[in-house]
Structure formats: C-alpha cells, structure tokens
C-alpha cells in the first residue's frame, strides 16, 4: 500500500510518499511552501495565491502517484505553547483563536483539493487525519516529545536516516509511521478483545 502523509501547515506543508514501514523502499519527499505576502497585498489576494499553489501541487501529486491512503496531521487543540526557553505557558484566547482560524483554513484547503481529486478521478481510497500529539506518542513515546526526539526515534527505532531532510518532511514521515502504528495497535487490541484478554471498555494502548 502506498501512503501519502502530510504535515499540514499554511506556511510549509511537508509531504512524504511511499511505505513508512520500509526505509529501503522508494519514496518521494516534497514541501509545499506557500508564497510570502506582497507589499500592500490584500488578505483575499494573498490567500488565493497560497491556495492555488497548495492545491495545484497536491492535486498534481495525487494524479501522478495515486496513493491508496492520504493521512494528514492536524492539531485540534491550542491549550499550551512552548516558549523559546523551552517552558510551557498557557496560551491566550488570541493564540487559540488564531490557531483555530488557521486550522479551519487549512482543512478548507484540503476539502477543496479532495473535491477536485474526486472530479479528476485521483481521490485516494482512504483519507484519514491524525492528531499531532498522537504522532509524537506513537513515534517517540510521548505526546510532548520535541521534534529532535521524533527524528532520533525515526532513525534509531524505525531505521530512517533523515539527514538533509527539511523539518516538515521529517514531520510528514512521522505522520505516516504513526498512522501505521495506530493501525497495528488497533488490530492487536481487537484480537485481544476477541480472545477475552482485555475488558470490553476501550483503553488507549501505550507506546512502546
């Protein structure tokens, strides 16, 4: 199964395409970096240019690569932020509003691309989302793991050498790896429940 994984961002979306479970297989990397705002450019004009580049690049990828699965990392919470000195401080309502606004626009872009993909006959069979904190948990064992730790685990535990990759591309690979791990955990849990080993109430499996 071929997977396209996106580290979704309005600024620079990382893209990994291939088999996240096999570092020796052929894979593709990309980054969709939206253009800077021009002097005196209106919000509407700037966002239109950003969307045109984002949608055109992603749609072309879907047409050429035809992935079976498209998995997208999202963040549906903004309760904390990490400051430059590494300390966590509560976010303000302004931070949370801007985070929500950005997520809404980004998901809107994805929705629009999927409509186009369906029209062009290149819509992936499965489209899923995964939380950023879940990606960190499944790859590095902690929902608050720093990016450096995620990259280290991708190399040491999963065999991926990401030397020279862009940060967004490493994040996209982590999305693909984490999704495969989620599926693996779900299958193991379902098997244990069928055998009566686990209680019927759902529980979140721990990361290795």
N, C-alpha and C. Protein backbone atom coordinates (compact mmCIF):
# COMPACT_ATOMS: atom_id res chain seq x y z
N UNK A 1 0.85 -1.20 0.00
CA UNK A 1 0.00 0.00 0.00
C UNK A 1 0.88 1.24 0.00
N UNK A 2 0.58 2.18 -0.89
CA UNK A 2 1.32 3.43 -0.93
C UNK A 2 0.59 4.48 -0.09
N UNK A 3 1.37 5.24 0.66
CA UNK A 3 0.84 6.22 1.58
C UNK A 3 1.39 7.60 1.26
N UNK A 4 0.53 8.59 1.21
CA UNK A 4 0.96 9.98 1.18
C UNK A 4 0.61 10.58 2.54
N UNK A 5 1.62 11.07 3.23
CA UNK A 5 1.43 11.67 4.56
C UNK A 5 1.77 13.14 4.50
N UNK A 6 0.91 13.95 5.10
CA UNK A 6 1.10 15.41 5.09
C UNK A 6 1.25 15.95 6.49
N UNK A 7 2.27 16.78 6.69
CA UNK A 7 2.39 17.59 7.89
C UNK A 7 1.77 18.93 7.54
N UNK A 8 0.46 19.06 7.77
CA UNK A 8 -0.31 20.19 7.25
C UNK A 8 0.07 21.50 7.92
N UNK A 9 0.33 22.50 7.09
CA UNK A 9 0.66 23.84 7.59
C UNK A 9 0.31 24.86 6.52
N UNK A 10 -0.13 26.03 6.94
CA UNK A 10 -0.40 27.10 5.98
C UNK A 10 0.89 27.71 5.45
N UNK A 11 2.00 27.48 6.15
CA UNK A 11 3.27 28.04 5.72
C UNK A 11 4.09 27.08 4.88
N UNK A 12 4.35 25.87 5.41
CA UNK A 12 5.16 24.89 4.69
C UNK A 12 4.66 23.49 5.04
N UNK A 13 3.90 22.91 4.16
CA UNK A 13 3.36 21.56 4.36
C UNK A 13 4.37 20.52 3.87
N UNK A 14 4.78 19.64 4.79
CA UNK A 14 5.69 18.57 4.40
C UNK A 14 4.93 17.42 3.80
N UNK A 15 5.54 16.73 2.84
CA UNK A 15 4.89 15.61 2.16
C UNK A 15 5.86 14.44 2.07
N UNK A 16 5.39 13.28 2.49
CA UNK A 16 6.11 12.02 2.31
C UNK A 16 5.21 11.07 1.55
N UNK A 17 5.78 10.38 0.56
CA UNK A 17 5.01 9.39 -0.19
C UNK A 17 5.84 8.12 -0.34
N UNK A 18 5.26 7.01 0.08
CA UNK A 18 5.94 5.74 -0.02
C UNK A 18 5.41 4.77 1.00
N UNK A 19 6.28 3.90 1.50
CA UNK A 19 5.92 2.94 2.54
C UNK A 19 6.64 3.34 3.82
N UNK A 20 5.93 3.90 4.80
CA UNK A 20 6.58 4.37 6.03
C UNK A 20 7.22 3.24 6.84
N UNK A 21 6.84 1.99 6.57
CA UNK A 21 7.37 0.87 7.32
C UNK A 21 8.64 0.28 6.70
N UNK A 22 9.05 0.79 5.54
CA UNK A 22 10.20 0.21 4.84
C UNK A 22 11.16 1.31 4.38
N UNK A 23 12.20 1.60 5.17
CA UNK A 23 13.16 2.65 4.80
C UNK A 23 13.94 2.35 3.52
N UNK A 24 13.95 1.09 3.09
CA UNK A 24 14.70 0.72 1.89
C UNK A 24 13.89 0.87 0.61
N UNK A 25 12.58 1.09 0.75
CA UNK A 25 11.72 1.22 -0.43
C UNK A 25 11.86 2.62 -1.04
N UNK A 26 11.45 2.74 -2.28
CA UNK A 26 11.48 4.03 -2.97
C UNK A 26 10.45 4.97 -2.33
N UNK A 27 10.83 6.22 -2.14
CA UNK A 27 9.90 7.18 -1.56
C UNK A 27 10.10 8.55 -2.20
N UNK A 28 9.15 9.43 -1.98
CA UNK A 28 9.18 10.78 -2.52
C UNK A 28 9.01 11.78 -1.38
N UNK A 29 9.77 12.86 -1.43
CA UNK A 29 9.65 13.94 -0.45
C UNK A 29 9.33 15.24 -1.17
N UNK A 30 8.55 16.09 -0.51
CA UNK A 30 8.26 17.41 -1.06
C UNK A 30 7.90 18.35 0.08
N UNK A 31 7.92 19.61 -0.22
CA UNK A 31 7.45 20.62 0.73
C UNK A 31 6.67 21.66 -0.06
N UNK A 32 5.44 21.89 0.36
CA UNK A 32 4.61 22.91 -0.29
C UNK A 32 4.73 24.18 0.54
N UNK A 33 5.65 25.04 0.14
CA UNK A 33 5.90 26.30 0.86
C UNK A 33 5.12 27.42 0.18
N UNK A 34 4.16 27.98 0.87
CA UNK A 34 3.31 29.00 0.27
C UNK A 34 4.07 30.32 0.15
N UNK A 35 3.71 31.14 -0.83
CA UNK A 35 4.47 32.37 -1.11
C UNK A 35 4.29 33.43 -0.03
N UNK A 36 5.34 34.26 0.13
CA UNK A 36 5.27 35.36 1.08
C UNK A 36 4.26 36.40 0.61
N UNK A 37 3.78 37.15 1.55
CA UNK A 37 2.81 38.20 1.23
C UNK A 37 3.51 39.38 0.56
N UNK A 38 2.92 39.88 -0.50
CA UNK A 38 3.46 41.04 -1.19
C UNK A 38 3.09 42.33 -0.46
N UNK A 39 3.85 43.36 -0.70
CA UNK A 39 3.59 44.64 -0.07
C UNK A 39 2.21 45.16 -0.48
N UNK A 40 1.41 45.51 0.52
CA UNK A 40 0.06 46.07 0.32
C UNK A 40 -0.93 45.07 -0.30
N UNK A 41 -0.59 43.77 -0.27
CA UNK A 41 -1.49 42.75 -0.82
C UNK A 41 -2.63 42.48 0.15
N UNK A 42 -3.84 42.36 -0.36
CA UNK A 42 -5.00 42.12 0.49
C UNK A 42 -5.01 40.68 0.98
N UNK A 43 -5.76 40.43 2.06
CA UNK A 43 -5.90 39.07 2.58
C UNK A 43 -6.44 38.12 1.52
N UNK A 44 -7.47 38.58 0.79
CA UNK A 44 -8.11 37.73 -0.21
C UNK A 44 -7.12 37.34 -1.31
N UNK A 45 -6.38 38.32 -1.82
CA UNK A 45 -5.44 38.04 -2.90
C UNK A 45 -4.32 37.13 -2.45
N UNK A 46 -3.78 37.37 -1.26
CA UNK A 46 -2.69 36.54 -0.74
C UNK A 46 -3.13 35.11 -0.52
N UNK A 47 -4.28 34.94 0.13
CA UNK A 47 -4.78 33.59 0.41
C UNK A 47 -5.13 32.85 -0.88
N UNK A 48 -5.58 33.58 -1.89
CA UNK A 48 -5.88 32.95 -3.18
C UNK A 48 -4.60 32.41 -3.81
N UNK A 49 -3.52 33.19 -3.76
CA UNK A 49 -2.25 32.72 -4.31
C UNK A 49 -1.71 31.53 -3.53
N UNK A 50 -1.84 31.60 -2.21
CA UNK A 50 -1.38 30.49 -1.37
C UNK A 50 -2.16 29.21 -1.67
N UNK A 51 -3.46 29.34 -1.79
CA UNK A 51 -4.29 28.16 -2.07
C UNK A 51 -4.01 27.59 -3.45
N UNK A 52 -3.83 28.47 -4.44
CA UNK A 52 -3.57 27.99 -5.80
C UNK A 52 -2.31 27.15 -5.86
N UNK A 53 -1.27 27.59 -5.15
CA UNK A 53 -0.03 26.83 -5.13
C UNK A 53 -0.21 25.52 -4.37
N UNK A 54 -0.84 25.60 -3.21
CA UNK A 54 -1.06 24.41 -2.39
C UNK A 54 -1.90 23.38 -3.14
N UNK A 55 -3.03 23.80 -3.65
CA UNK A 55 -3.94 22.86 -4.31
C UNK A 55 -3.34 22.30 -5.59
N UNK A 56 -2.67 23.15 -6.36
CA UNK A 56 -2.08 22.68 -7.61
C UNK A 56 -0.99 21.64 -7.38
N UNK A 57 -0.15 21.89 -6.37
CA UNK A 57 0.94 20.96 -6.07
C UNK A 57 0.40 19.63 -5.55
N UNK A 58 -0.53 19.69 -4.60
CA UNK A 58 -1.06 18.45 -4.02
C UNK A 58 -1.89 17.67 -5.04
N UNK A 59 -2.69 18.36 -5.83
CA UNK A 59 -3.51 17.68 -6.83
C UNK A 59 -2.63 16.98 -7.88
N UNK A 60 -1.57 17.66 -8.30
CA UNK A 60 -0.64 17.05 -9.25
C UNK A 60 -0.01 15.79 -8.66
N UNK A 61 0.35 15.86 -7.38
CA UNK A 61 0.92 14.69 -6.72
C UNK A 61 -0.07 13.53 -6.70
N UNK A 62 -1.31 13.81 -6.35
CA UNK A 62 -2.32 12.75 -6.30
C UNK A 62 -2.56 12.14 -7.67
N UNK A 63 -2.51 12.96 -8.71
CA UNK A 63 -2.71 12.46 -10.07
C UNK A 63 -1.54 11.57 -10.51
N UNK A 64 -0.34 11.95 -10.13
CA UNK A 64 0.84 11.22 -10.58
C UNK A 64 1.13 9.96 -9.75
N UNK A 65 0.94 10.06 -8.43
CA UNK A 65 1.33 8.96 -7.55
C UNK A 65 0.19 8.01 -7.19
N UNK A 66 -1.04 8.47 -7.21
CA UNK A 66 -2.21 7.62 -6.92
C UNK A 66 -2.07 6.84 -5.61
N UNK A 67 -1.86 7.50 -4.48
CA UNK A 67 -1.72 6.77 -3.21
C UNK A 67 -3.02 6.09 -2.81
N UNK A 68 -2.89 4.95 -2.13
CA UNK A 68 -4.06 4.27 -1.58
C UNK A 68 -4.62 5.01 -0.37
N UNK A 69 -3.70 5.64 0.38
CA UNK A 69 -4.08 6.31 1.62
C UNK A 69 -3.47 7.70 1.66
N UNK A 70 -4.28 8.68 2.06
CA UNK A 70 -3.81 10.03 2.36
C UNK A 70 -4.07 10.27 3.83
N UNK A 71 -3.01 10.47 4.62
CA UNK A 71 -3.17 10.73 6.05
C UNK A 71 -2.57 12.10 6.36
N UNK A 72 -3.31 12.87 7.15
CA UNK A 72 -2.98 14.28 7.38
C UNK A 72 -2.88 14.55 8.87
N UNK A 73 -1.80 15.17 9.27
CA UNK A 73 -1.65 15.55 10.68
C UNK A 73 -2.39 16.86 10.94
N UNK A 74 -3.17 16.88 12.01
CA UNK A 74 -3.85 18.10 12.41
C UNK A 74 -3.67 18.30 13.92
N UNK A 75 -3.92 19.51 14.37
CA UNK A 75 -3.89 19.83 15.80
C UNK A 75 -5.20 20.52 16.13
N UNK A 76 -6.03 19.87 16.93
CA UNK A 76 -7.35 20.43 17.25
C UNK A 76 -7.38 21.09 18.61
N UNK A 77 -6.21 21.32 19.18
CA UNK A 77 -6.18 21.99 20.48
C UNK A 77 -5.03 22.99 20.49
N UNK A 78 -5.14 24.01 21.30
CA UNK A 78 -4.08 25.01 21.45
C UNK A 78 -4.05 25.47 22.90
N UNK A 79 -3.99 24.49 23.79
CA UNK A 79 -4.06 24.81 25.21
C UNK A 79 -2.74 25.24 25.81
N UNK A 80 -1.65 24.88 25.16
CA UNK A 80 -0.33 25.27 25.64
C UNK A 80 0.57 25.61 24.47
N UNK A 81 1.57 26.43 24.75
CA UNK A 81 2.57 26.74 23.75
C UNK A 81 3.94 26.62 24.40
N UNK A 82 4.94 26.35 23.61
CA UNK A 82 6.30 26.24 24.11
C UNK A 82 7.05 27.52 23.75
N UNK A 83 7.54 28.22 24.74
CA UNK A 83 8.28 29.46 24.51
C UNK A 83 9.71 29.14 24.11
N UNK A 84 10.47 30.15 23.78
CA UNK A 84 11.83 29.95 23.28
C UNK A 84 12.74 29.31 24.32
N UNK A 85 12.48 29.56 25.59
CA UNK A 85 13.34 28.96 26.61
C UNK A 85 12.90 27.54 26.99
N UNK A 86 11.92 27.00 26.26
CA UNK A 86 11.52 25.62 26.47
C UNK A 86 10.46 25.42 27.53
N UNK A 87 10.00 26.48 28.18
CA UNK A 87 8.98 26.36 29.20
C UNK A 87 7.59 26.44 28.58
N UNK A 88 6.67 25.67 29.17
CA UNK A 88 5.28 25.68 28.68
C UNK A 88 4.47 26.70 29.46
N UNK A 89 3.78 27.54 28.73
CA UNK A 89 2.93 28.55 29.36
C UNK A 89 1.55 28.50 28.72
N UNK A 90 0.50 28.81 29.48
CA UNK A 90 -0.87 28.77 28.92
C UNK A 90 -1.02 29.75 27.77
N UNK A 91 -1.74 29.33 26.74
CA UNK A 91 -2.00 30.22 25.62
C UNK A 91 -3.09 31.22 25.96
N UNK A 92 -3.07 32.33 25.27
CA UNK A 92 -4.11 33.34 25.43
C UNK A 92 -5.28 33.01 24.52
N UNK A 93 -6.39 33.69 24.71
CA UNK A 93 -7.53 33.48 23.81
C UNK A 93 -7.16 33.87 22.39
N UNK A 94 -6.29 34.86 22.27
CA UNK A 94 -5.85 35.27 20.94
C UNK A 94 -5.09 34.18 20.23
N UNK A 95 -4.18 33.52 20.97
CA UNK A 95 -3.43 32.39 20.39
C UNK A 95 -4.38 31.31 19.91
N UNK A 96 -5.35 30.98 20.77
CA UNK A 96 -6.27 29.89 20.45
C UNK A 96 -7.18 30.25 19.28
N UNK A 97 -7.58 31.53 19.20
CA UNK A 97 -8.41 31.96 18.08
C UNK A 97 -7.63 31.85 16.77
N UNK A 98 -6.39 32.33 16.77
CA UNK A 98 -5.58 32.28 15.55
C UNK A 98 -5.27 30.85 15.15
N UNK A 99 -5.03 29.99 16.15
CA UNK A 99 -4.78 28.58 15.85
C UNK A 99 -6.01 27.94 15.22
N UNK A 100 -7.17 28.22 15.78
CA UNK A 100 -8.41 27.68 15.23
C UNK A 100 -8.70 28.20 13.83
N UNK A 101 -8.43 29.49 13.63
CA UNK A 101 -8.65 30.09 12.31
C UNK A 101 -7.72 29.46 11.28
N UNK A 102 -6.46 29.27 11.67
CA UNK A 102 -5.51 28.65 10.75
C UNK A 102 -5.87 27.22 10.41
N UNK A 103 -6.29 26.45 11.43
CA UNK A 103 -6.69 25.06 11.19
C UNK A 103 -7.90 25.01 10.27
N UNK A 104 -8.86 25.89 10.52
CA UNK A 104 -10.06 25.90 9.67
C UNK A 104 -9.73 26.19 8.22
N UNK A 105 -8.85 27.16 7.99
CA UNK A 105 -8.46 27.47 6.61
C UNK A 105 -7.71 26.30 5.99
N UNK A 106 -6.79 25.69 6.74
CA UNK A 106 -6.01 24.58 6.20
C UNK A 106 -6.90 23.39 5.85
N UNK A 107 -7.83 23.05 6.74
CA UNK A 107 -8.75 21.94 6.45
C UNK A 107 -9.64 22.29 5.26
N UNK A 108 -10.01 23.57 5.15
CA UNK A 108 -10.79 24.01 4.00
C UNK A 108 -10.03 23.80 2.70
N UNK A 109 -8.74 24.08 2.72
CA UNK A 109 -7.91 23.82 1.54
C UNK A 109 -7.91 22.34 1.19
N UNK A 110 -7.75 21.50 2.20
CA UNK A 110 -7.74 20.06 1.96
C UNK A 110 -9.08 19.60 1.38
N UNK A 111 -10.18 20.07 1.98
CA UNK A 111 -11.51 19.69 1.48
C UNK A 111 -11.67 20.05 0.01
N UNK A 112 -11.21 21.26 -0.35
CA UNK A 112 -11.34 21.71 -1.73
C UNK A 112 -10.49 20.86 -2.67
N UNK A 113 -9.30 20.49 -2.25
CA UNK A 113 -8.44 19.64 -3.07
C UNK A 113 -9.08 18.27 -3.28
N UNK A 114 -9.70 17.73 -2.24
CA UNK A 114 -10.31 16.41 -2.36
C UNK A 114 -11.51 16.43 -3.31
N UNK A 115 -12.23 17.54 -3.32
CA UNK A 115 -13.32 17.68 -4.29
C UNK A 115 -12.77 17.64 -5.71
N UNK A 116 -11.66 18.37 -5.93
CA UNK A 116 -11.03 18.37 -7.25
C UNK A 116 -10.49 16.98 -7.59
N UNK A 117 -9.90 16.32 -6.60
CA UNK A 117 -9.34 14.99 -6.83
C UNK A 117 -10.43 14.00 -7.24
N UNK A 118 -11.57 14.11 -6.62
CA UNK A 118 -12.69 13.23 -6.99
C UNK A 118 -13.12 13.51 -8.42
N UNK A 119 -13.17 14.78 -8.79
CA UNK A 119 -13.57 15.14 -10.15
C UNK A 119 -12.57 14.63 -11.19
N UNK A 120 -11.29 14.61 -10.82
CA UNK A 120 -10.25 14.16 -11.75
C UNK A 120 -9.97 12.67 -11.64
N UNK A 121 -10.69 11.98 -10.78
CA UNK A 121 -10.53 10.54 -10.66
C UNK A 121 -9.28 10.09 -9.95
N UNK A 122 -8.72 10.93 -9.07
CA UNK A 122 -7.49 10.56 -8.36
C UNK A 122 -7.66 10.68 -6.84
N UNK A 123 -8.90 10.56 -6.38
CA UNK A 123 -9.16 10.62 -4.94
C UNK A 123 -8.67 9.33 -4.28
N UNK A 124 -7.81 9.41 -3.26
CA UNK A 124 -7.34 8.18 -2.59
C UNK A 124 -8.50 7.38 -2.03
N UNK A 125 -8.34 6.07 -1.96
CA UNK A 125 -9.40 5.21 -1.44
C UNK A 125 -9.73 5.55 0.01
N UNK A 126 -8.71 5.96 0.76
CA UNK A 126 -8.90 6.28 2.18
C UNK A 126 -8.22 7.60 2.49
N UNK A 127 -8.93 8.48 3.21
CA UNK A 127 -8.37 9.74 3.67
C UNK A 127 -8.60 9.81 5.18
N UNK A 128 -7.54 9.99 5.95
CA UNK A 128 -7.63 10.00 7.40
C UNK A 128 -6.86 11.18 7.98
N UNK A 129 -7.18 11.51 9.22
CA UNK A 129 -6.42 12.52 9.95
C UNK A 129 -5.88 11.90 11.23
N UNK A 130 -4.82 12.49 11.75
CA UNK A 130 -4.23 12.02 13.00
C UNK A 130 -3.73 13.23 13.78
N UNK A 131 -3.94 13.22 15.08
CA UNK A 131 -3.54 14.34 15.92
C UNK A 131 -2.01 14.41 16.03
N UNK A 132 -1.50 15.64 16.10
CA UNK A 132 -0.06 15.85 16.24
C UNK A 132 0.48 15.18 17.50
N UNK A 133 -0.27 15.24 18.58
CA UNK A 133 0.19 14.63 19.83
C UNK A 133 0.24 13.10 19.71
N UNK A 134 -0.66 12.54 18.92
CA UNK A 134 -0.66 11.08 18.71
C UNK A 134 0.54 10.67 17.88
N UNK A 135 0.92 11.51 16.91
CA UNK A 135 2.10 11.22 16.10
C UNK A 135 3.33 11.14 17.00
N UNK A 136 3.49 12.11 17.89
CA UNK A 136 4.65 12.11 18.79
C UNK A 136 4.62 10.91 19.73
N UNK A 137 3.43 10.55 20.21
CA UNK A 137 3.30 9.41 21.11
C UNK A 137 3.71 8.12 20.42
N UNK A 138 3.22 7.89 19.22
CA UNK A 138 3.47 6.64 18.53
C UNK A 138 4.90 6.51 18.01
N UNK A 139 5.53 7.65 17.75
CA UNK A 139 6.90 7.60 17.23
C UNK A 139 7.93 7.68 18.35
N UNK A 140 7.73 8.64 19.28
CA UNK A 140 8.75 8.89 20.31
C UNK A 140 8.32 8.52 21.71
N UNK A 141 7.06 8.03 21.88
CA UNK A 141 6.63 7.57 23.19
C UNK A 141 6.10 8.62 24.12
N UNK A 142 5.98 9.87 23.65
CA UNK A 142 5.48 10.95 24.50
C UNK A 142 4.72 11.96 23.64
N UNK A 143 3.55 12.39 24.12
CA UNK A 143 2.76 13.37 23.39
C UNK A 143 3.44 14.73 23.32
N UNK A 144 4.39 14.99 24.20
CA UNK A 144 5.08 16.28 24.22
C UNK A 144 6.53 16.18 23.74
N UNK A 145 6.86 15.11 23.04
CA UNK A 145 8.23 14.92 22.58
C UNK A 145 8.65 16.05 21.65
N UNK A 146 9.87 16.57 21.80
CA UNK A 146 10.35 17.60 20.88
C UNK A 146 10.64 17.02 19.51
N UNK A 147 10.74 17.89 18.51
CA UNK A 147 10.97 17.44 17.14
C UNK A 147 12.28 16.66 17.02
N UNK A 148 13.29 17.08 17.76
CA UNK A 148 14.58 16.38 17.69
C UNK A 148 14.44 14.94 18.15
N UNK A 149 13.63 14.71 19.18
CA UNK A 149 13.43 13.36 19.69
C UNK A 149 12.69 12.51 18.66
N UNK A 150 11.72 13.10 17.99
CA UNK A 150 10.99 12.37 16.94
C UNK A 150 11.95 11.93 15.84
N UNK A 151 12.82 12.83 15.40
CA UNK A 151 13.79 12.49 14.36
C UNK A 151 14.74 11.40 14.84
N UNK A 152 15.15 11.49 16.10
CA UNK A 152 16.06 10.47 16.66
C UNK A 152 15.40 9.09 16.68
N UNK A 153 14.13 9.04 17.07
CA UNK A 153 13.42 7.75 17.12
C UNK A 153 13.18 7.20 15.72
N UNK A 154 12.91 8.09 14.77
CA UNK A 154 12.73 7.62 13.39
C UNK A 154 14.00 6.92 12.89
N UNK A 155 15.15 7.41 13.31
CA UNK A 155 16.41 6.81 12.89
C UNK A 155 16.73 5.55 13.70
N UNK A 156 16.70 5.68 15.04
CA UNK A 156 17.14 4.59 15.91
C UNK A 156 16.17 3.42 15.97
N UNK A 157 14.87 3.71 15.99
CA UNK A 157 13.87 2.67 16.20
C UNK A 157 13.26 2.17 14.89
N UNK A 158 13.10 3.09 13.92
CA UNK A 158 12.41 2.71 12.68
C UNK A 158 13.34 2.62 11.47
N UNK A 159 14.61 2.99 11.65
CA UNK A 159 15.59 2.80 10.58
C UNK A 159 15.64 3.87 9.51
N UNK A 160 15.05 5.04 9.76
CA UNK A 160 15.01 6.10 8.76
C UNK A 160 16.14 7.11 8.99
N UNK A 161 17.00 7.28 8.00
CA UNK A 161 18.03 8.31 8.05
C UNK A 161 17.49 9.55 7.35
N UNK A 162 17.17 10.56 8.13
CA UNK A 162 16.55 11.77 7.57
C UNK A 162 17.56 12.91 7.43
N UNK A 163 18.83 12.58 7.36
CA UNK A 163 19.86 13.61 7.19
C UNK A 163 19.62 14.40 5.92
N UNK A 164 19.60 15.72 6.05
CA UNK A 164 19.38 16.59 4.90
C UNK A 164 17.93 16.86 4.57
N UNK A 165 17.02 16.20 5.26
CA UNK A 165 15.60 16.45 5.02
C UNK A 165 15.17 17.78 5.65
N UNK A 166 14.14 18.38 5.10
CA UNK A 166 13.53 19.55 5.72
C UNK A 166 12.72 19.10 6.94
N UNK A 167 12.57 20.00 7.89
CA UNK A 167 11.83 19.67 9.11
C UNK A 167 10.42 19.21 8.80
N UNK A 168 9.76 19.87 7.85
CA UNK A 168 8.39 19.50 7.50
C UNK A 168 8.31 18.10 6.89
N UNK A 169 9.37 17.69 6.17
CA UNK A 169 9.40 16.37 5.55
C UNK A 169 9.60 15.28 6.60
N UNK A 170 10.44 15.56 7.60
CA UNK A 170 10.62 14.62 8.70
C UNK A 170 9.29 14.46 9.44
N UNK A 171 8.60 15.57 9.67
CA UNK A 171 7.30 15.52 10.33
C UNK A 171 6.29 14.71 9.52
N UNK A 172 6.34 14.86 8.19
CA UNK A 172 5.41 14.10 7.34
C UNK A 172 5.69 12.61 7.42
N UNK A 173 6.96 12.23 7.41
CA UNK A 173 7.31 10.82 7.58
C UNK A 173 6.79 10.30 8.92
N UNK A 174 6.96 11.10 9.98
CA UNK A 174 6.47 10.71 11.30
C UNK A 174 4.97 10.47 11.28
N UNK A 175 4.24 11.27 10.51
CA UNK A 175 2.79 11.08 10.37
C UNK A 175 2.50 9.71 9.78
N UNK A 176 3.21 9.35 8.71
CA UNK A 176 3.00 8.05 8.09
C UNK A 176 3.35 6.89 9.00
N UNK A 177 4.47 7.01 9.70
CA UNK A 177 4.88 5.96 10.64
C UNK A 177 3.86 5.82 11.76
N UNK A 178 3.44 6.96 12.31
CA UNK A 178 2.48 6.94 13.42
C UNK A 178 1.16 6.32 13.01
N UNK A 179 0.70 6.60 11.79
CA UNK A 179 -0.56 6.03 11.34
C UNK A 179 -0.46 4.51 11.25
N UNK A 180 0.65 4.02 10.71
CA UNK A 180 0.84 2.56 10.63
C UNK A 180 0.86 1.94 12.02
N UNK A 181 1.45 2.63 12.97
CA UNK A 181 1.48 2.13 14.35
C UNK A 181 0.09 2.13 14.96
N UNK A 182 -0.70 3.15 14.67
CA UNK A 182 -2.08 3.21 15.17
C UNK A 182 -2.88 2.02 14.66
N UNK A 183 -2.74 1.73 13.38
CA UNK A 183 -3.44 0.59 12.80
C UNK A 183 -2.99 -0.70 13.45
N UNK A 184 -1.68 -0.83 13.65
CA UNK A 184 -1.12 -2.03 14.28
C UNK A 184 -1.68 -2.21 15.70
N UNK A 185 -1.71 -1.14 16.47
CA UNK A 185 -2.24 -1.22 17.83
C UNK A 185 -3.72 -1.60 17.82
N UNK A 186 -4.49 -0.99 16.91
CA UNK A 186 -5.92 -1.28 16.84
C UNK A 186 -6.16 -2.75 16.52
N UNK A 187 -5.37 -3.30 15.61
CA UNK A 187 -5.51 -4.72 15.24
C UNK A 187 -5.16 -5.64 16.41
N UNK A 188 -4.09 -5.30 17.13
CA UNK A 188 -3.70 -6.11 18.28
C UNK A 188 -4.75 -6.04 19.38
N UNK A 189 -5.29 -4.85 19.61
CA UNK A 189 -6.31 -4.70 20.65
C UNK A 189 -7.56 -5.47 20.29
N UNK A 190 -7.97 -5.39 19.02
CA UNK A 190 -9.17 -6.12 18.58
C UNK A 190 -8.99 -7.62 18.76
N UNK A 191 -7.78 -8.11 18.48
CA UNK A 191 -7.51 -9.54 18.64
C UNK A 191 -7.58 -9.96 20.09
N UNK A 192 -7.00 -9.12 20.97
CA UNK A 192 -7.02 -9.43 22.40
C UNK A 192 -8.44 -9.39 22.96
N UNK A 193 -9.23 -8.44 22.48
CA UNK A 193 -10.62 -8.37 22.94
C UNK A 193 -11.40 -9.60 22.49
N UNK A 194 -11.13 -10.03 21.27
CA UNK A 194 -11.82 -11.22 20.75
C UNK A 194 -11.46 -12.45 21.58
N UNK A 195 -10.25 -12.46 22.10
CA UNK A 195 -9.82 -13.59 22.93
C UNK A 195 -10.25 -13.43 24.39
N UNK A 196 -10.85 -12.28 24.71
CA UNK A 196 -11.30 -12.04 26.07
C UNK A 196 -10.20 -11.62 27.02
N UNK A 197 -9.04 -11.24 26.48
CA UNK A 197 -7.92 -10.84 27.34
C UNK A 197 -8.13 -9.45 27.90
N UNK A 198 -8.72 -8.56 27.08
CA UNK A 198 -8.97 -7.20 27.51
C UNK A 198 -10.44 -7.02 27.86
N UNK A 199 -10.70 -6.06 28.75
CA UNK A 199 -12.08 -5.73 29.10
C UNK A 199 -12.76 -5.09 27.90
N UNK A 200 -14.07 -5.04 27.94
CA UNK A 200 -14.83 -4.51 26.81
C UNK A 200 -14.71 -3.01 26.68
N UNK A 201 -14.40 -2.31 27.80
CA UNK A 201 -14.29 -0.85 27.72
C UNK A 201 -13.02 -0.47 26.99
N UNK A 202 -13.08 0.49 26.07
CA UNK A 202 -11.91 0.84 25.28
C UNK A 202 -10.83 1.49 26.16
N UNK A 203 -9.57 1.18 25.84
CA UNK A 203 -8.45 1.80 26.54
C UNK A 203 -7.40 2.21 25.52
N UNK A 204 -6.70 3.27 25.82
CA UNK A 204 -5.67 3.74 24.91
C UNK A 204 -4.41 2.93 25.10
N UNK A 205 -3.93 2.24 24.07
CA UNK A 205 -2.73 1.44 24.22
C UNK A 205 -1.51 2.31 24.41
N UNK A 206 -0.56 1.83 25.17
CA UNK A 206 0.66 2.58 25.42
C UNK A 206 1.63 2.40 24.26
N UNK A 207 2.46 3.42 24.08
CA UNK A 207 3.50 3.31 23.06
C UNK A 207 4.63 2.45 23.60
N UNK A 208 5.34 1.82 22.68
CA UNK A 208 6.49 1.01 23.09
C UNK A 208 7.59 1.91 23.63
